[in-house]
Amino acid sequence: MTSTRCWVPEPIPVAKVSPLLLNLAPTWAAYRTLTGLRLVHFLTDEGTEGIKVPTIGNRWPLDPITIREQIRRRT
């Protein structure tokens, strides 16, 4: 019997996401000044995307699956 396993990404602290985005597109001006708090504001209802980013002890874990679902709904 063959086992089918699906890799599920774990949430990543939003403070670690902004440097990753800068590495992805270093010439994009918006990423140069992006911080974890600015990213949380952008993603939440106060910002533009309407994605809930939970707070756990002053850390905001960002779930990649939630981001992918939001992108899928947009397109």
N, C-alpha and C. Protein backbone atom coordinates (compact mmCIF):
# COMPACT_ATOMS: atom_id res chain seq x y z
N MET A 1 0.84 -1.16 0.00
CA MET A 1 0.00 0.00 0.00
C MET A 1 0.89 1.24 0.00
N THR A 2 0.56 2.20 -0.83
CA THR A 2 1.33 3.42 -0.94
C THR A 2 0.72 4.50 -0.07
N SER A 3 1.56 5.13 0.71
CA SER A 3 1.10 6.20 1.58
C SER A 3 1.23 7.54 0.86
N THR A 4 0.17 8.30 0.87
CA THR A 4 0.19 9.62 0.27
C THR A 4 0.30 10.65 1.37
N ARG A 5 1.38 11.40 1.35
CA ARG A 5 1.58 12.43 2.36
C ARG A 5 1.58 13.79 1.68
N CYS A 6 0.97 14.71 2.33
CA CYS A 6 0.91 16.06 1.82
C CYS A 6 1.66 16.97 2.79
N TRP A 7 2.61 17.72 2.28
CA TRP A 7 3.35 18.64 3.12
C TRP A 7 2.49 19.86 3.40
N VAL A 8 2.33 20.16 4.66
CA VAL A 8 1.55 21.33 5.07
C VAL A 8 2.51 22.32 5.69
N PRO A 9 2.64 23.51 5.10
CA PRO A 9 3.58 24.48 5.66
C PRO A 9 3.10 24.99 7.01
N GLU A 10 4.04 25.23 7.89
CA GLU A 10 3.71 25.75 9.21
C GLU A 10 3.67 27.27 9.16
N PRO A 11 2.90 27.88 10.05
CA PRO A 11 2.89 29.35 10.11
C PRO A 11 4.29 29.89 10.39
N ILE A 12 4.59 31.03 9.81
CA ILE A 12 5.89 31.67 9.99
C ILE A 12 5.65 33.05 10.62
N PRO A 13 6.49 33.46 11.57
CA PRO A 13 6.32 34.79 12.14
C PRO A 13 6.40 35.86 11.06
N VAL A 14 5.47 36.79 11.10
CA VAL A 14 5.39 37.79 10.05
C VAL A 14 6.67 38.63 9.97
N ALA A 15 7.38 38.77 11.06
CA ALA A 15 8.65 39.52 11.04
C ALA A 15 9.69 38.85 10.16
N LYS A 16 9.56 37.55 9.95
CA LYS A 16 10.50 36.83 9.08
C LYS A 16 10.06 36.88 7.61
N VAL A 17 8.82 37.24 7.37
CA VAL A 17 8.30 37.27 6.00
C VAL A 17 8.81 38.49 5.24
N SER A 18 8.86 39.65 5.89
CA SER A 18 9.27 40.86 5.18
C SER A 18 10.69 40.77 4.60
N PRO A 19 11.69 40.22 5.32
CA PRO A 19 13.01 40.06 4.67
C PRO A 19 12.97 39.05 3.52
N LEU A 20 12.12 38.03 3.64
CA LEU A 20 12.02 37.07 2.54
C LEU A 20 11.45 37.73 1.29
N LEU A 21 10.46 38.60 1.48
CA LEU A 21 9.91 39.32 0.34
C LEU A 21 10.94 40.25 -0.28
N LEU A 22 11.75 40.88 0.54
CA LEU A 22 12.81 41.74 0.03
C LEU A 22 13.82 40.95 -0.78
N ASN A 23 14.15 39.75 -0.33
CA ASN A 23 15.06 38.89 -1.10
C ASN A 23 14.43 38.44 -2.41
N LEU A 24 13.12 38.26 -2.40
CA LEU A 24 12.41 37.84 -3.60
C LEU A 24 12.41 38.92 -4.67
N ALA A 25 12.18 40.17 -4.26
CA ALA A 25 12.12 41.28 -5.22
C ALA A 25 12.82 42.50 -4.63
N PRO A 26 14.15 42.50 -4.64
CA PRO A 26 14.90 43.58 -3.98
C PRO A 26 14.74 44.95 -4.64
N THR A 27 14.31 45.01 -5.87
CA THR A 27 14.18 46.30 -6.54
C THR A 27 12.81 46.94 -6.35
N TRP A 28 11.86 46.21 -5.77
CA TRP A 28 10.53 46.77 -5.57
C TRP A 28 10.56 47.67 -4.34
N ALA A 29 10.24 48.93 -4.52
CA ALA A 29 10.36 49.93 -3.46
C ALA A 29 9.51 49.61 -2.23
N ALA A 30 8.34 49.05 -2.42
CA ALA A 30 7.46 48.75 -1.29
C ALA A 30 8.07 47.74 -0.32
N TYR A 31 8.88 46.83 -0.83
CA TYR A 31 9.50 45.82 0.04
C TYR A 31 10.70 46.38 0.81
N ARG A 32 11.30 47.45 0.32
CA ARG A 32 12.48 48.00 0.99
C ARG A 32 12.15 48.55 2.37
N THR A 33 10.95 49.10 2.55
CA THR A 33 10.57 49.69 3.83
C THR A 33 9.57 48.83 4.59
N LEU A 34 9.31 47.64 4.12
CA LEU A 34 8.32 46.76 4.74
C LEU A 34 8.85 46.17 6.04
N THR A 35 8.06 46.30 7.09
CA THR A 35 8.37 45.69 8.38
C THR A 35 7.26 44.70 8.70
N GLY A 36 7.46 43.92 9.76
CA GLY A 36 6.44 42.97 10.16
C GLY A 36 5.13 43.65 10.51
N LEU A 37 5.20 44.76 11.26
CA LEU A 37 3.98 45.47 11.65
C LEU A 37 3.26 46.07 10.44
N ARG A 38 4.01 46.61 9.50
CA ARG A 38 3.38 47.15 8.29
C ARG A 38 2.72 46.04 7.48
N LEU A 39 3.34 44.88 7.44
CA LEU A 39 2.76 43.75 6.72
C LEU A 39 1.48 43.28 7.39
N VAL A 40 1.47 43.22 8.72
CA VAL A 40 0.26 42.84 9.44
C VAL A 40 -0.85 43.83 9.14
N HIS A 41 -0.54 45.12 9.17
CA HIS A 41 -1.55 46.13 8.88
C HIS A 41 -2.08 45.98 7.45
N PHE A 42 -1.20 45.72 6.51
CA PHE A 42 -1.61 45.56 5.11
C PHE A 42 -2.53 44.35 4.94
N LEU A 43 -2.23 43.26 5.63
CA LEU A 43 -2.99 42.03 5.45
C LEU A 43 -4.33 42.02 6.18
N THR A 44 -4.45 42.76 7.26
CA THR A 44 -5.67 42.71 8.07
C THR A 44 -6.79 43.52 7.44
N ASP A 45 -7.93 43.50 8.11
CA ASP A 45 -9.09 44.27 7.65
C ASP A 45 -8.80 45.76 7.58
N GLU A 46 -7.89 46.25 8.43
CA GLU A 46 -7.53 47.66 8.39
C GLU A 46 -6.77 47.99 7.12
N GLY A 47 -6.09 47.00 6.59
CA GLY A 47 -5.33 47.20 5.36
C GLY A 47 -6.20 46.91 4.15
N THR A 48 -5.66 46.19 3.19
CA THR A 48 -6.39 45.97 1.95
C THR A 48 -6.80 44.53 1.69
N GLU A 49 -6.13 43.57 2.30
CA GLU A 49 -6.36 42.18 1.92
C GLU A 49 -7.43 41.46 2.74
N GLY A 50 -7.71 41.90 3.95
CA GLY A 50 -8.73 41.26 4.77
C GLY A 50 -8.36 39.89 5.30
N ILE A 51 -7.09 39.67 5.57
CA ILE A 51 -6.62 38.39 6.09
C ILE A 51 -6.41 38.53 7.60
N LYS A 52 -6.96 37.58 8.35
CA LYS A 52 -6.79 37.61 9.81
C LYS A 52 -5.41 37.07 10.16
N VAL A 53 -4.64 37.89 10.85
CA VAL A 53 -3.32 37.49 11.34
C VAL A 53 -3.41 37.47 12.85
N PRO A 54 -3.41 36.28 13.47
CA PRO A 54 -3.55 36.22 14.93
C PRO A 54 -2.31 36.76 15.63
N THR A 55 -2.50 37.23 16.84
CA THR A 55 -1.37 37.67 17.65
C THR A 55 -1.19 36.68 18.81
N ILE A 56 0.02 36.23 18.97
CA ILE A 56 0.35 35.30 20.05
C ILE A 56 1.60 35.83 20.72
N GLY A 57 1.42 36.45 21.87
CA GLY A 57 2.58 36.97 22.61
C GLY A 57 3.40 37.96 21.82
N ASN A 58 2.75 38.93 21.19
CA ASN A 58 3.41 39.96 20.39
C ASN A 58 4.13 39.39 19.17
N ARG A 59 3.71 38.22 18.74
CA ARG A 59 4.20 37.62 17.49
C ARG A 59 2.99 37.33 16.63
N TRP A 60 3.12 37.51 15.37
CA TRP A 60 2.01 37.29 14.45
C TRP A 60 2.38 36.15 13.50
N PRO A 61 1.88 34.94 13.78
CA PRO A 61 2.18 33.83 12.87
C PRO A 61 1.33 33.94 11.60
N LEU A 62 1.98 33.92 10.48
CA LEU A 62 1.31 34.03 9.19
C LEU A 62 1.22 32.65 8.57
N ASP A 63 0.01 32.23 8.27
CA ASP A 63 -0.23 30.90 7.73
C ASP A 63 -0.19 30.94 6.21
N PRO A 64 0.77 30.27 5.57
CA PRO A 64 0.87 30.29 4.11
C PRO A 64 -0.40 29.78 3.42
N ILE A 65 -1.10 28.85 4.03
CA ILE A 65 -2.32 28.31 3.44
C ILE A 65 -3.39 29.40 3.36
N THR A 66 -3.50 30.21 4.40
CA THR A 66 -4.46 31.31 4.40
C THR A 66 -4.14 32.30 3.29
N ILE A 67 -2.88 32.61 3.10
CA ILE A 67 -2.47 33.53 2.04
C ILE A 67 -2.83 32.96 0.67
N ARG A 68 -2.53 31.68 0.47
CA ARG A 68 -2.84 31.05 -0.82
C ARG A 68 -4.34 31.04 -1.10
N GLU A 69 -5.14 30.78 -0.07
CA GLU A 69 -6.60 30.78 -0.26
C GLU A 69 -7.10 32.17 -0.64
N GLN A 70 -6.54 33.20 -0.01
CA GLN A 70 -6.95 34.57 -0.33
C GLN A 70 -6.56 34.92 -1.76
N ILE A 71 -5.39 34.53 -2.19
CA ILE A 71 -4.96 34.79 -3.57
C ILE A 71 -5.88 34.06 -4.54
N ARG A 72 -6.23 32.83 -4.22
CA ARG A 72 -7.12 32.04 -5.07
C ARG A 72 -8.50 32.72 -5.20
N ARG A 73 -9.00 33.28 -4.09
CA ARG A 73 -10.31 33.96 -4.12
C ARG A 73 -10.25 35.23 -4.96
N ARG A 74 -9.11 35.90 -4.97
CA ARG A 74 -8.97 37.15 -5.73
C ARG A 74 -9.00 36.91 -7.23
N THR A 75 -8.43 35.81 -7.66
CA THR A 75 -8.30 35.58 -9.10
C THR A 75 -9.47 34.83 -9.67
